[in-house]
Amino acid sequence: MTAPTGILARPLEHAGQPAHGTLASNVHRQQLDSTELLRGGRCVEIRHNGEVYRLQATRLGKLILTK
C-alpha cells in the first residue's frame, strides 16, 4: 500500500503481538498525520470497498469516522 500523493506515511513500530489477533505480524502498518489527510479542512471522504466514509474533525480535536 502506498500513501496518496502529498500524504506523508511511515511504518509504525511493531509493539509485539497484534491487538486481539486482528493483524497478522507481516502486515505493514502506516501512520498518516491527520493534518495531511484532512489537508487543512475539517472533513474528508474516503472510498473503501465501494463504500464512502466521512472522516471528520470535531471542534474538540477528536476524529469521527462515519459511513
PDB file of N, CA and C in Angstrom:
ATOM      1  N   MET A   1       0.844  -1.174   0.000  1.00  0.00           N
ATOM      2  CA  MET A   1       0.000   0.000   0.000  1.00  0.00           C
ATOM      3  C   MET A   1       0.882   1.226   0.000  1.00  0.00           C
ATOM      4  N   THR A   2       0.596   2.171  -0.848  1.00  0.00           N
ATOM      5  CA  THR A   2       1.370   3.403  -0.894  1.00  0.00           C
ATOM      6  C   THR A   2       0.504   4.560  -0.448  1.00  0.00           C
ATOM      7  N   ALA A   3       1.139   5.593   0.087  1.00  0.00           N
ATOM      8  CA  ALA A   3       0.417   6.764   0.551  1.00  0.00           C
ATOM      9  C   ALA A   3      -0.028   7.594  -0.641  1.00  0.00           C
ATOM     10  N   PRO A   4      -1.221   8.212  -0.565  1.00  0.00           N
ATOM     11  CA  PRO A   4      -1.657   9.102  -1.634  1.00  0.00           C
ATOM     12  C   PRO A   4      -0.673  10.249  -1.804  1.00  0.00           C
ATOM     13  N   THR A   5      -0.637  10.842  -2.995  1.00  0.00           N
ATOM     14  CA  THR A   5       0.272  11.942  -3.280  1.00  0.00           C
ATOM     15  C   THR A   5       0.076  13.060  -2.265  1.00  0.00           C
ATOM     16  N   GLY A   6       1.161  13.573  -1.735  1.00  0.00           N
ATOM     17  CA  GLY A   6       1.115  14.667  -0.787  1.00  0.00           C
ATOM     18  C   GLY A   6       0.900  14.225   0.656  1.00  0.00           C
ATOM     19  N   ILE A   7       0.709  12.951   0.889  1.00  0.00           N
ATOM     20  CA  ILE A   7       0.491  12.443   2.238  1.00  0.00           C
ATOM     21  C   ILE A   7       1.778  11.800   2.724  1.00  0.00           C
ATOM     22  N   LEU A   8       2.198  12.185   3.911  1.00  0.00           N
ATOM     23  CA  LEU A   8       3.394  11.588   4.490  1.00  0.00           C
ATOM     24  C   LEU A   8       2.997  10.322   5.229  1.00  0.00           C
ATOM     25  N   ALA A   9       3.674   9.250   4.940  1.00  0.00           N
ATOM     26  CA  ALA A   9       3.377   7.986   5.612  1.00  0.00           C
ATOM     27  C   ALA A   9       4.679   7.335   6.025  1.00  0.00           C
ATOM     28  N   ARG A  10       4.646   6.680   7.178  1.00  0.00           N
ATOM     29  CA  ARG A  10       5.820   5.951   7.634  1.00  0.00           C
ATOM     30  C   ARG A  10       5.342   4.714   8.379  1.00  0.00           C
ATOM     31  N   PRO A  11       6.090   3.635   8.294  1.00  0.00           N
ATOM     32  CA  PRO A  11       5.685   2.415   9.000  1.00  0.00           C
ATOM     33  C   PRO A  11       5.657   2.640  10.510  1.00  0.00           C
ATOM     34  N   LEU A  12       4.691   2.038  11.179  1.00  0.00           N
ATOM     35  CA  LEU A  12       4.634   2.080  12.634  1.00  0.00           C
ATOM     36  C   LEU A  12       5.580   1.039  13.191  1.00  0.00           C
ATOM     37  N   GLU A  13       6.134   1.309  14.344  1.00  0.00           N
ATOM     38  CA  GLU A  13       6.981   0.321  15.003  1.00  0.00           C
ATOM     39  C   GLU A  13       6.100  -0.792  15.533  1.00  0.00           C
ATOM     40  N   HIS A  14       6.544  -2.008  15.409  1.00  0.00           N
ATOM     41  CA  HIS A  14       5.787  -3.137  15.929  1.00  0.00           C
ATOM     42  C   HIS A  14       5.966  -3.194  17.435  1.00  0.00           C
ATOM     43  N   ALA A  15       4.850  -3.254  18.137  1.00  0.00           N
ATOM     44  CA  ALA A  15       4.887  -3.262  19.601  1.00  0.00           C
ATOM     45  C   ALA A  15       4.681  -4.664  20.149  1.00  0.00           C
ATOM     46  N   GLY A  16       5.128  -5.657  19.412  1.00  0.00           N
ATOM     47  CA  GLY A  16       4.967  -7.025  19.886  1.00  0.00           C
ATOM     48  C   GLY A  16       3.799  -7.702  19.213  1.00  0.00           C
ATOM     49  N   GLN A  17       2.922  -8.293  20.001  1.00  0.00           N
ATOM     50  CA  GLN A  17       1.789  -9.033  19.465  1.00  0.00           C
ATOM     51  C   GLN A  17       0.724  -8.091  18.925  1.00  0.00           C
ATOM     52  N   PRO A  18       0.063  -8.470  17.810  1.00  0.00           N
ATOM     53  CA  PRO A  18      -1.054  -7.661  17.311  1.00  0.00           C
ATOM     54  C   PRO A  18      -2.192  -7.649  18.327  1.00  0.00           C
ATOM     55  N   ALA A  19      -2.915  -6.529  18.404  1.00  0.00           N
ATOM     56  CA  ALA A  19      -4.023  -6.403  19.342  1.00  0.00           C
ATOM     57  C   ALA A  19      -5.142  -7.367  18.990  1.00  0.00           C
ATOM     58  N   HIS A  20      -5.521  -8.197  19.915  1.00  0.00           N
ATOM     59  CA  HIS A  20      -6.626  -9.142  19.789  1.00  0.00           C
ATOM     60  C   HIS A  20      -6.515 -10.039  18.558  1.00  0.00           C
ATOM     61  N   GLY A  21      -5.332 -10.227  18.016  1.00  0.00           N
ATOM     62  CA  GLY A  21      -5.137 -11.122  16.886  1.00  0.00           C
ATOM     63  C   GLY A  21      -5.756 -10.638  15.587  1.00  0.00           C
ATOM     64  N   THR A  22      -6.046  -9.336  15.481  1.00  0.00           N
ATOM     65  CA  THR A  22      -6.705  -8.838  14.282  1.00  0.00           C
ATOM     66  C   THR A  22      -5.734  -8.550  13.143  1.00  0.00           C
ATOM     67  N   LEU A  23      -4.467  -8.325  13.439  1.00  0.00           N
ATOM     68  CA  LEU A  23      -3.481  -8.023  12.407  1.00  0.00           C
ATOM     69  C   LEU A  23      -2.420  -9.116  12.375  1.00  0.00           C
ATOM     70  N   ALA A  24      -2.106  -9.576  11.191  1.00  0.00           N
ATOM     71  CA  ALA A  24      -1.019 -10.536  11.047  1.00  0.00           C
ATOM     72  C   ALA A  24       0.299  -9.803  11.289  1.00  0.00           C
ATOM     73  N   SER A  25       1.288 -10.509  11.794  1.00  0.00           N
ATOM     74  CA  SER A  25       2.556  -9.861  12.124  1.00  0.00           C
ATOM     75  C   SER A  25       3.301  -9.375  10.895  1.00  0.00           C
ATOM     76  N   ASN A  26       2.965  -9.873   9.705  1.00  0.00           N
ATOM     77  CA  ASN A  26       3.671  -9.445   8.496  1.00  0.00           C
ATOM     78  C   ASN A  26       2.964  -8.311   7.771  1.00  0.00           C
ATOM     79  N   VAL A  27       1.899  -7.755   8.313  1.00  0.00           N
ATOM     80  CA  VAL A  27       1.172  -6.654   7.682  1.00  0.00           C
ATOM     81  C   VAL A  27       1.928  -5.357   7.940  1.00  0.00           C
ATOM     82  N   HIS A  28       2.146  -4.579   6.876  1.00  0.00           N
ATOM     83  CA  HIS A  28       2.788  -3.273   7.030  1.00  0.00           C
ATOM     84  C   HIS A  28       1.733  -2.256   7.424  1.00  0.00           C
ATOM     85  N   ARG A  29       1.940  -1.620   8.560  1.00  0.00           N
ATOM     86  CA  ARG A  29       1.046  -0.559   9.002  1.00  0.00           C
ATOM     87  C   ARG A  29       1.711   0.770   8.714  1.00  0.00           C
ATOM     88  N   GLN A  30       0.927   1.756   8.310  1.00  0.00           N
ATOM     89  CA  GLN A  30       1.454   3.084   8.043  1.00  0.00           C
ATOM     90  C   GLN A  30       0.794   4.075   8.973  1.00  0.00           C
ATOM     91  N   GLN A  31       1.511   5.144   9.255  1.00  0.00           N
ATOM     92  CA  GLN A  31       0.977   6.194  10.097  1.00  0.00           C
ATOM     93  C   GLN A  31       0.831   7.440   9.242  1.00  0.00           C
ATOM     94  N   LEU A  32      -0.382   7.991   9.206  1.00  0.00           N
ATOM     95  CA  LEU A  32      -0.662   9.211   8.464  1.00  0.00           C
ATOM     96  C   LEU A  32      -1.004  10.313   9.452  1.00  0.00           C
ATOM     97  N   ASP A  33      -0.468  11.494   9.234  1.00  0.00           N
ATOM     98  CA  ASP A  33      -0.792  12.629  10.079  1.00  0.00           C
ATOM     99  C   ASP A  33      -2.156  13.173   9.671  1.00  0.00           C
ATOM    100  N   SER A  34      -3.050  13.376  10.624  1.00  0.00           N
ATOM    101  CA  SER A  34      -4.411  13.818  10.307  1.00  0.00           C
ATOM    102  C   SER A  34      -4.439  15.168   9.596  1.00  0.00           C
ATOM    103  N   THR A  35      -3.498  16.057   9.904  1.00  0.00           N
ATOM    104  CA  THR A  35      -3.487  17.358   9.224  1.00  0.00           C
ATOM    105  C   THR A  35      -3.175  17.198   7.737  1.00  0.00           C
ATOM    106  N   GLU A  36      -2.332  16.231   7.399  1.00  0.00           N
ATOM    107  CA  GLU A  36      -2.042  15.958   5.996  1.00  0.00           C
ATOM    108  C   GLU A  36      -3.233  15.292   5.316  1.00  0.00           C
ATOM    109  N   LEU A  37      -3.889  14.386   6.023  1.00  0.00           N
ATOM    110  CA  LEU A  37      -5.038  13.686   5.478  1.00  0.00           C
ATOM    111  C   LEU A  37      -6.208  14.638   5.248  1.00  0.00           C
ATOM    112  N   LEU A  38      -6.466  15.539   6.187  1.00  0.00           N
ATOM    113  CA  LEU A  38      -7.570  16.485   6.067  1.00  0.00           C
ATOM    114  C   LEU A  38      -7.215  17.700   5.214  1.00  0.00           C
ATOM    115  N   ARG A  39      -5.929  17.896   4.966  1.00  0.00           N
ATOM    116  CA  ARG A  39      -5.433  18.987   4.107  1.00  0.00           C
ATOM    117  C   ARG A  39      -5.982  20.353   4.490  1.00  0.00           C
ATOM    118  N   GLY A  40      -5.972  20.636   5.782  1.00  0.00           N
ATOM    119  CA  GLY A  40      -6.397  21.947   6.264  1.00  0.00           C
ATOM    120  C   GLY A  40      -7.894  22.090   6.453  1.00  0.00           C
ATOM    121  N   GLY A  41      -8.661  21.097   6.044  1.00  0.00           N
ATOM    122  CA  GLY A  41     -10.113  21.143   6.224  1.00  0.00           C
ATOM    123  C   GLY A  41     -10.522  20.395   7.469  1.00  0.00           C
ATOM    124  N   ARG A  42     -11.830  20.229   7.635  1.00  0.00           N
ATOM    125  CA  ARG A  42     -12.327  19.501   8.807  1.00  0.00           C
ATOM    126  C   ARG A  42     -12.975  18.181   8.436  1.00  0.00           C
ATOM    127  N   CYS A  43     -13.098  17.899   7.127  1.00  0.00           N
ATOM    128  CA  CYS A  43     -13.784  16.689   6.709  1.00  0.00           C
ATOM    129  C   CYS A  43     -13.187  16.187   5.392  1.00  0.00           C
ATOM    130  N   VAL A  44     -13.097  14.867   5.263  1.00  0.00           N
ATOM    131  CA  VAL A  44     -12.630  14.243   4.029  1.00  0.00           C
ATOM    132  C   VAL A  44     -13.446  12.972   3.809  1.00  0.00           C
ATOM    133  N   GLU A  45     -13.781  12.695   2.552  1.00  0.00           N
ATOM    134  CA  GLU A  45     -14.485  11.462   2.227  1.00  0.00           C
ATOM    135  C   GLU A  45     -13.480  10.435   1.746  1.00  0.00           C
ATOM    136  N   ILE A  46     -13.670   9.197   2.204  1.00  0.00           N
ATOM    137  CA  ILE A  46     -12.753   8.103   1.898  1.00  0.00           C
ATOM    138  C   ILE A  46     -13.537   6.980   1.248  1.00  0.00           C
ATOM    139  N   ARG A  47     -13.111   6.546   0.057  1.00  0.00           N
ATOM    140  CA  ARG A  47     -13.726   5.393  -0.590  1.00  0.00           C
ATOM    141  C   ARG A  47     -13.016   4.137  -0.130  1.00  0.00           C
ATOM    142  N   HIS A  48     -13.800   3.135   0.292  1.00  0.00           N
ATOM    143  CA  HIS A  48     -13.240   1.871   0.767  1.00  0.00           C
ATOM    144  C   HIS A  48     -14.198   0.755   0.393  1.00  0.00           C
ATOM    145  N   ASN A  49     -13.711  -0.194  -0.400  1.00  0.00           N
ATOM    146  CA  ASN A  49     -14.526  -1.348  -0.826  1.00  0.00           C
ATOM    147  C   ASN A  49     -15.874  -0.939  -1.408  1.00  0.00           C
ATOM    148  N   GLY A  50     -15.869   0.108  -2.234  1.00  0.00           N
ATOM    149  CA  GLY A  50     -17.093   0.550  -2.897  1.00  0.00           C
ATOM    150  C   GLY A  50     -18.020   1.396  -2.036  1.00  0.00           C
ATOM    151  N   GLU A  51     -17.649   1.671  -0.807  1.00  0.00           N
ATOM    152  CA  GLU A  51     -18.460   2.490   0.098  1.00  0.00           C
ATOM    153  C   GLU A  51     -17.733   3.806   0.368  1.00  0.00           C
ATOM    154  N   VAL A  52     -18.494   4.844   0.694  1.00  0.00           N
ATOM    155  CA  VAL A  52     -17.904   6.148   1.010  1.00  0.00           C
ATOM    156  C   VAL A  52     -18.060   6.403   2.501  1.00  0.00           C
ATOM    157  N   TYR A  53     -16.946   6.713   3.151  1.00  0.00           N
ATOM    158  CA  TYR A  53     -16.916   7.036   4.576  1.00  0.00           C
ATOM    159  C   TYR A  53     -16.503   8.490   4.717  1.00  0.00           C
ATOM    160  N   ARG A  54     -16.913   9.118   5.799  1.00  0.00           N
ATOM    161  CA  ARG A  54     -16.543  10.508   6.068  1.00  0.00           C
ATOM    162  C   ARG A  54     -15.709  10.557   7.344  1.00  0.00           C
ATOM    163  N   LEU A  55     -14.503  11.114   7.235  1.00  0.00           N
ATOM    164  CA  LEU A  55     -13.640  11.339   8.397  1.00  0.00           C
ATOM    165  C   LEU A  55     -13.747  12.814   8.745  1.00  0.00           C
ATOM    166  N   GLN A  56     -14.167  13.086   9.967  1.00  0.00           N
ATOM    167  CA  GLN A  56     -14.465  14.460  10.361  1.00  0.00           C
ATOM    168  C   GLN A  56     -13.745  14.816  11.652  1.00  0.00           C
ATOM    169  N   ALA A  57     -13.156  16.012  11.692  1.00  0.00           N
ATOM    170  CA  ALA A  57     -12.518  16.511  12.907  1.00  0.00           C
ATOM    171  C   ALA A  57     -13.520  17.385  13.653  1.00  0.00           C
ATOM    172  N   THR A  58     -13.643  17.160  14.964  1.00  0.00           N
ATOM    173  CA  THR A  58     -14.564  17.951  15.771  1.00  0.00           C
ATOM    174  C   THR A  58     -13.886  19.213  16.275  1.00  0.00           C
ATOM    175  N   ARG A  59     -14.670  20.100  16.861  1.00  0.00           N
ATOM    176  CA  ARG A  59     -14.112  21.331  17.436  1.00  0.00           C
ATOM    177  C   ARG A  59     -13.180  21.029  18.610  1.00  0.00           C
ATOM    178  N   LEU A  60     -13.384  19.875  19.251  1.00  0.00           N
ATOM    179  CA  LEU A  60     -12.540  19.499  20.388  1.00  0.00           C
ATOM    180  C   LEU A  60     -11.307  18.723  19.974  1.00  0.00           C
ATOM    181  N   GLY A  61     -11.100  18.549  18.654  1.00  0.00           N
ATOM    182  CA  GLY A  61      -9.907  17.869  18.171  1.00  0.00           C
ATOM    183  C   GLY A  61     -10.019  16.364  18.082  1.00  0.00           C
ATOM    184  N   LYS A  62     -11.211  15.828  18.213  1.00  0.00           N
ATOM    185  CA  LYS A  62     -11.422  14.388  18.070  1.00  0.00           C
ATOM    186  C   LYS A  62     -11.715  14.063  16.608  1.00  0.00           C
ATOM    187  N   LEU A  63     -11.556  12.784  16.233  1.00  0.00           N
ATOM    188  CA  LEU A  63     -11.878  12.337  14.876  1.00  0.00           C
ATOM    189  C   LEU A  63     -13.076  11.399  14.926  1.00  0.00           C
ATOM    190  N   ILE A  64     -13.980  11.572  13.958  1.00  0.00           N
ATOM    191  CA  ILE A  64     -15.159  10.712  13.839  1.00  0.00           C
ATOM    192  C   ILE A  64     -15.178  10.148  12.440  1.00  0.00           C
ATOM    193  N   LEU A  65     -15.327   8.821  12.332  1.00  0.00           N
ATOM    194  CA  LEU A  65     -15.444   8.149  11.045  1.00  0.00           C
ATOM    195  C   LEU A  65     -16.855   7.603  10.934  1.00  0.00           C
ATOM    196  N   THR A  66     -17.604   8.035   9.904  1.00  0.00           N
ATOM    197  CA  THR A  66     -18.978   7.577   9.706  1.00  0.00           C
ATOM    198  C   THR A  66     -19.147   7.057   8.296  1.00  0.00           C
ATOM    199  N   LYS A  67     -20.137   6.186   8.137  1.00  0.00           N
ATOM    200  CA  LYS A  67     -20.429   5.596   6.833  1.00  0.00           C
ATOM    201  C   LYS A  67     -21.578   6.342   6.197  1.00  0.00           C
TER     202      LYS A  67
END
